[in-house]
C-alpha cells in the first residue's frame, strides 16, 4: 500500500490514527449508503 516514508510521516503526525478511525466509521456506515458518503465527507472536513 503506502511506502515506509509515507507510513512514517503518517505515524509521526498521528494521521494514521485519523485514517484508521475513518476506515472504522466507513465500515460501520457502509450499511447505510447515504450516511456513509455524508459522514465520510464530514470527516474529511474535520
N, C-alpha and C. Protein backbone atom coordinates (compact mmCIF):
# COMPACT_ATOMS: atom_id res chain seq x y z
N UNK A 1 0.85 -1.20 0.00
CA UNK A 1 0.00 0.00 0.00
C UNK A 1 0.88 1.24 0.00
N UNK A 2 1.13 1.82 1.18
CA UNK A 2 1.98 3.01 1.27
C UNK A 2 3.41 2.60 1.56
N UNK A 3 4.36 3.39 1.06
CA UNK A 3 5.76 3.07 1.29
C UNK A 3 6.15 3.46 2.71
N UNK A 4 7.37 3.07 3.13
CA UNK A 4 7.81 3.35 4.51
C UNK A 4 7.82 4.84 4.80
N UNK A 5 8.28 5.64 3.85
CA UNK A 5 8.34 7.08 4.06
C UNK A 5 6.97 7.66 4.38
N UNK A 6 5.98 7.23 3.61
CA UNK A 6 4.62 7.73 3.82
C UNK A 6 4.10 7.24 5.17
N UNK A 7 4.37 5.99 5.50
CA UNK A 7 3.90 5.45 6.77
C UNK A 7 4.51 6.20 7.94
N UNK A 8 5.81 6.47 7.87
CA UNK A 8 6.50 7.19 8.94
C UNK A 8 5.90 8.58 9.10
N UNK A 9 5.60 9.23 7.98
CA UNK A 9 5.01 10.56 8.02
C UNK A 9 3.67 10.50 8.73
N UNK A 10 2.85 9.52 8.35
CA UNK A 10 1.55 9.35 8.98
C UNK A 10 1.72 9.03 10.47
N UNK A 11 2.64 8.14 10.78
CA UNK A 11 2.85 7.71 12.16
C UNK A 11 3.29 8.88 13.04
N UNK A 12 4.23 9.66 12.55
CA UNK A 12 4.78 10.76 13.33
C UNK A 12 3.77 11.87 13.54
N UNK A 13 2.85 12.05 12.60
CA UNK A 13 1.88 13.14 12.69
C UNK A 13 0.55 12.67 13.29
N UNK A 14 0.42 11.36 13.51
CA UNK A 14 -0.82 10.84 14.08
C UNK A 14 -1.92 10.68 13.06
N UNK A 15 -1.61 10.92 11.78
CA UNK A 15 -2.63 10.82 10.73
C UNK A 15 -3.10 9.37 10.58
N UNK A 16 -2.20 8.43 10.90
CA UNK A 16 -2.56 7.02 10.77
C UNK A 16 -3.78 6.71 11.63
N UNK A 17 -3.82 7.25 12.83
CA UNK A 17 -4.95 7.03 13.73
C UNK A 17 -6.21 7.64 13.14
N UNK A 18 -6.08 8.84 12.54
CA UNK A 18 -7.22 9.51 11.91
C UNK A 18 -7.80 8.65 10.80
N UNK A 19 -6.93 8.15 9.93
CA UNK A 19 -7.41 7.33 8.81
C UNK A 19 -7.97 6.00 9.30
N UNK A 20 -7.38 5.48 10.38
CA UNK A 20 -7.91 4.24 10.94
C UNK A 20 -9.34 4.45 11.42
N UNK A 21 -9.58 5.58 12.10
CA UNK A 21 -10.92 5.90 12.57
C UNK A 21 -11.86 6.07 11.39
N UNK A 22 -11.39 6.73 10.33
CA UNK A 22 -12.22 6.93 9.14
C UNK A 22 -12.62 5.58 8.55
N UNK A 23 -11.65 4.65 8.48
CA UNK A 23 -11.94 3.33 7.92
C UNK A 23 -12.96 2.60 8.78
N UNK A 24 -12.84 2.73 10.10
CA UNK A 24 -13.78 2.07 11.01
C UNK A 24 -15.18 2.63 10.81
N UNK A 25 -15.27 3.98 10.74
CA UNK A 25 -16.58 4.61 10.55
C UNK A 25 -17.14 4.25 9.18
N UNK A 26 -16.26 4.20 8.16
CA UNK A 26 -16.70 3.82 6.82
C UNK A 26 -17.30 2.42 6.85
N UNK A 27 -16.65 1.52 7.54
CA UNK A 27 -17.13 0.14 7.63
C UNK A 27 -18.49 0.09 8.32
N UNK A 28 -18.67 0.94 9.33
CA UNK A 28 -19.93 0.95 10.07
C UNK A 28 -21.06 1.52 9.23
N UNK A 29 -20.79 2.66 8.56
CA UNK A 29 -21.83 3.35 7.82
C UNK A 29 -22.06 2.77 6.42
N UNK A 30 -21.23 1.82 6.01
CA UNK A 30 -21.41 1.20 4.69
C UNK A 30 -22.79 0.53 4.61
N UNK A 31 -23.35 0.19 5.77
CA UNK A 31 -24.67 -0.42 5.81
C UNK A 31 -25.76 0.59 5.49
N UNK A 32 -25.44 1.88 5.62
CA UNK A 32 -26.39 2.94 5.31
C UNK A 32 -25.76 3.83 4.24
N UNK A 33 -25.98 3.48 2.97
CA UNK A 33 -25.30 4.13 1.85
C UNK A 33 -25.23 5.64 1.92
N UNK A 34 -26.36 6.32 2.11
CA UNK A 34 -26.36 7.77 2.08
C UNK A 34 -25.59 8.34 3.27
N UNK A 35 -25.72 7.71 4.44
CA UNK A 35 -25.00 8.19 5.61
C UNK A 35 -23.50 7.96 5.44
N UNK A 36 -23.16 6.87 4.76
CA UNK A 36 -21.76 6.55 4.52
C UNK A 36 -21.04 7.69 3.82
N UNK A 37 -21.59 8.14 2.70
CA UNK A 37 -20.96 9.20 1.91
C UNK A 37 -20.96 10.52 2.68
N UNK A 38 -22.08 10.83 3.32
CA UNK A 38 -22.20 12.10 4.05
C UNK A 38 -21.20 12.15 5.20
N UNK A 39 -21.13 11.08 5.98
CA UNK A 39 -20.24 11.06 7.14
C UNK A 39 -18.78 11.14 6.71
N UNK A 40 -18.44 10.44 5.62
CA UNK A 40 -17.07 10.45 5.14
C UNK A 40 -16.64 11.86 4.75
N UNK A 41 -17.51 12.58 4.05
CA UNK A 41 -17.18 13.94 3.63
C UNK A 41 -17.02 14.85 4.84
N UNK A 42 -17.88 14.67 5.84
CA UNK A 42 -17.76 15.47 7.06
C UNK A 42 -16.47 15.16 7.80
N UNK A 43 -16.04 13.90 7.79
CA UNK A 43 -14.80 13.51 8.45
C UNK A 43 -13.61 14.17 7.79
N UNK A 44 -13.62 14.23 6.46
CA UNK A 44 -12.51 14.83 5.72
C UNK A 44 -12.39 16.31 6.06
N UNK A 45 -13.53 16.97 6.20
CA UNK A 45 -13.51 18.40 6.50
C UNK A 45 -12.96 18.68 7.89
N UNK A 46 -13.09 17.72 8.81
CA UNK A 46 -12.55 17.90 10.15
C UNK A 46 -11.04 17.82 10.08
